[in-house]
Amino acid sequence: MRQVVLTPDLEAGGYTVTVPSLPGCISEGDTIDEALENIKDAIQGYIEALESDGLPVPPENTPRLLVLEV
């Protein structure tokens, strides 16, 4: 399981999702659910590409954190 960060796109709508432990792994979606489903595919592809190239998969070492705007 990887920690992800959801960022609302205030201009275009939807959400951008990044994975702190996988630099450059990014996806988006019109809803939170869609964005989370899309990032699962992006994570799988990212890890498969690393393994295919014989590169190590970075460990998930980011502390769990939930940030809410108030």
C-alpha atoms as a PDB file:
ATOM      1  CA  MET A   1       0.000   0.000   0.000  1.00  0.00           C
ATOM      2  CA  ARG A   2       1.316   3.442  -0.910  1.00  0.00           C
ATOM      3  CA  GLN A   3       0.456   6.800   0.541  1.00  0.00           C
ATOM      4  CA  VAL A   4      -0.994   9.168  -2.061  1.00  0.00           C
ATOM      5  CA  VAL A   5      -1.698  12.886  -2.041  1.00  0.00           C
ATOM      6  CA  LEU A   6      -4.926  14.156  -3.623  1.00  0.00           C
ATOM      7  CA  THR A   7      -4.904  17.782  -4.746  1.00  0.00           C
ATOM      8  CA  PRO A   8      -8.091  19.399  -6.038  1.00  0.00           C
ATOM      9  CA  ASP A   9      -7.743  21.238  -9.347  1.00  0.00           C
ATOM     10  CA  LEU A  10      -9.595  24.439  -8.525  1.00  0.00           C
ATOM     11  CA  GLU A  11      -9.531  25.753 -12.108  1.00  0.00           C
ATOM     12  CA  ALA A  12     -10.378  22.682 -14.208  1.00  0.00           C
ATOM     13  CA  GLY A  13     -12.079  20.559 -11.551  1.00  0.00           C
ATOM     14  CA  GLY A  14     -11.160  17.037 -10.580  1.00  0.00           C
ATOM     15  CA  TYR A  15      -8.134  15.870  -8.650  1.00  0.00           C
ATOM     16  CA  THR A  16      -4.439  15.295  -9.237  1.00  0.00           C
ATOM     17  CA  VAL A  17      -2.847  12.413  -7.337  1.00  0.00           C
ATOM     18  CA  THR A  18       0.841  11.953  -6.569  1.00  0.00           C
ATOM     19  CA  VAL A  19       2.759   9.220  -4.742  1.00  0.00           C
ATOM     20  CA  PRO A  20       5.491  10.664  -2.479  1.00  0.00           C
ATOM     21  CA  SER A  21       7.498   7.423  -2.368  1.00  0.00           C
ATOM     22  CA  LEU A  22       7.458   7.081  -6.190  1.00  0.00           C
ATOM     23  CA  PRO A  23       8.822  10.330  -7.665  1.00  0.00           C
ATOM     24  CA  GLY A  24       7.064  11.253 -10.892  1.00  0.00           C
ATOM     25  CA  CYS A  25       4.155   8.849 -10.359  1.00  0.00           C
ATOM     26  CA  ILE A  26       1.126  11.022 -10.989  1.00  0.00           C
ATOM     27  CA  SER A  27      -2.448  10.605 -12.193  1.00  0.00           C
ATOM     28  CA  GLU A  28      -5.752  12.429 -12.101  1.00  0.00           C
ATOM     29  CA  GLY A  29      -9.503  11.937 -12.154  1.00  0.00           C
ATOM     30  CA  ASP A  30     -12.746  13.858 -12.222  1.00  0.00           C
ATOM     31  CA  THR A  31     -13.789  12.478  -8.808  1.00  0.00           C
ATOM     32  CA  ILE A  32     -11.871  11.256  -5.783  1.00  0.00           C
ATOM     33  CA  ASP A  33     -12.882   7.665  -6.531  1.00  0.00           C
ATOM     34  CA  GLU A  34     -11.800   7.930 -10.167  1.00  0.00           C
ATOM     35  CA  ALA A  35      -8.505   9.568  -9.191  1.00  0.00           C
ATOM     36  CA  LEU A  36      -7.780   6.789  -6.686  1.00  0.00           C
ATOM     37  CA  GLU A  37      -8.564   4.067  -9.242  1.00  0.00           C
ATOM     38  CA  ASN A  38      -6.333   5.771 -11.810  1.00  0.00           C
ATOM     39  CA  ILE A  39      -3.401   6.097  -9.419  1.00  0.00           C
ATOM     40  CA  LYS A  40      -3.586   2.365  -8.661  1.00  0.00           C
ATOM     41  CA  ASP A  41      -2.944   1.701 -12.359  1.00  0.00           C
ATOM     42  CA  ALA A  42      -0.166   4.297 -12.418  1.00  0.00           C
ATOM     43  CA  ILE A  43       1.540   2.738  -9.379  1.00  0.00           C
ATOM     44  CA  GLN A  44       1.373  -0.724 -10.923  1.00  0.00           C
ATOM     45  CA  GLY A  45       2.836   0.543 -14.209  1.00  0.00           C
ATOM     46  CA  TYR A  46       5.546   2.503 -12.403  1.00  0.00           C
ATOM     47  CA  ILE A  47       6.651  -0.517 -10.372  1.00  0.00           C
ATOM     48  CA  GLU A  48       6.516  -2.827 -13.393  1.00  0.00           C
ATOM     49  CA  ALA A  49       8.707  -0.394 -15.360  1.00  0.00           C
ATOM     50  CA  LEU A  50      11.269  -0.265 -12.541  1.00  0.00           C
ATOM     51  CA  GLU A  51      11.366  -4.055 -12.272  1.00  0.00           C
ATOM     52  CA  SER A  52      11.605  -4.416 -16.060  1.00  0.00           C
ATOM     53  CA  ASP A  53      14.645  -2.107 -16.055  1.00  0.00           C
ATOM     54  CA  GLY A  54      16.207  -4.009 -13.144  1.00  0.00           C
ATOM     55  CA  LEU A  55      15.875  -1.031 -10.829  1.00  0.00           C
ATOM     56  CA  PRO A  56      14.913  -1.238  -7.157  1.00  0.00           C
ATOM     57  CA  VAL A  57      11.404  -0.310  -6.081  1.00  0.00           C
ATOM     58  CA  PRO A  58      11.571   2.473  -3.476  1.00  0.00           C
ATOM     59  CA  PRO A  59      10.159   1.411  -0.118  1.00  0.00           C
ATOM     60  CA  GLU A  60       7.093   3.085   1.298  1.00  0.00           C
ATOM     61  CA  ASN A  61       8.713   5.039   4.091  1.00  0.00           C
ATOM     62  CA  THR A  62       6.518   8.099   4.193  1.00  0.00           C
ATOM     63  CA  PRO A  63       4.679   8.480   7.506  1.00  0.00           C
ATOM     64  CA  ARG A  64       0.898   8.359   7.242  1.00  0.00           C
ATOM     65  CA  LEU A  65      -0.546  11.822   7.106  1.00  0.00           C
ATOM     66  CA  LEU A  66      -3.983  13.233   6.378  1.00  0.00           C
ATOM     67  CA  VAL A  67      -4.180  16.906   5.515  1.00  0.00           C
ATOM     68  CA  LEU A  68      -7.491  18.716   5.300  1.00  0.00           C
ATOM     69  CA  GLU A  69      -8.107  22.307   4.351  1.00  0.00           C
ATOM     70  CA  VAL A  70     -10.167  24.117   6.964  1.00  0.00           C
END
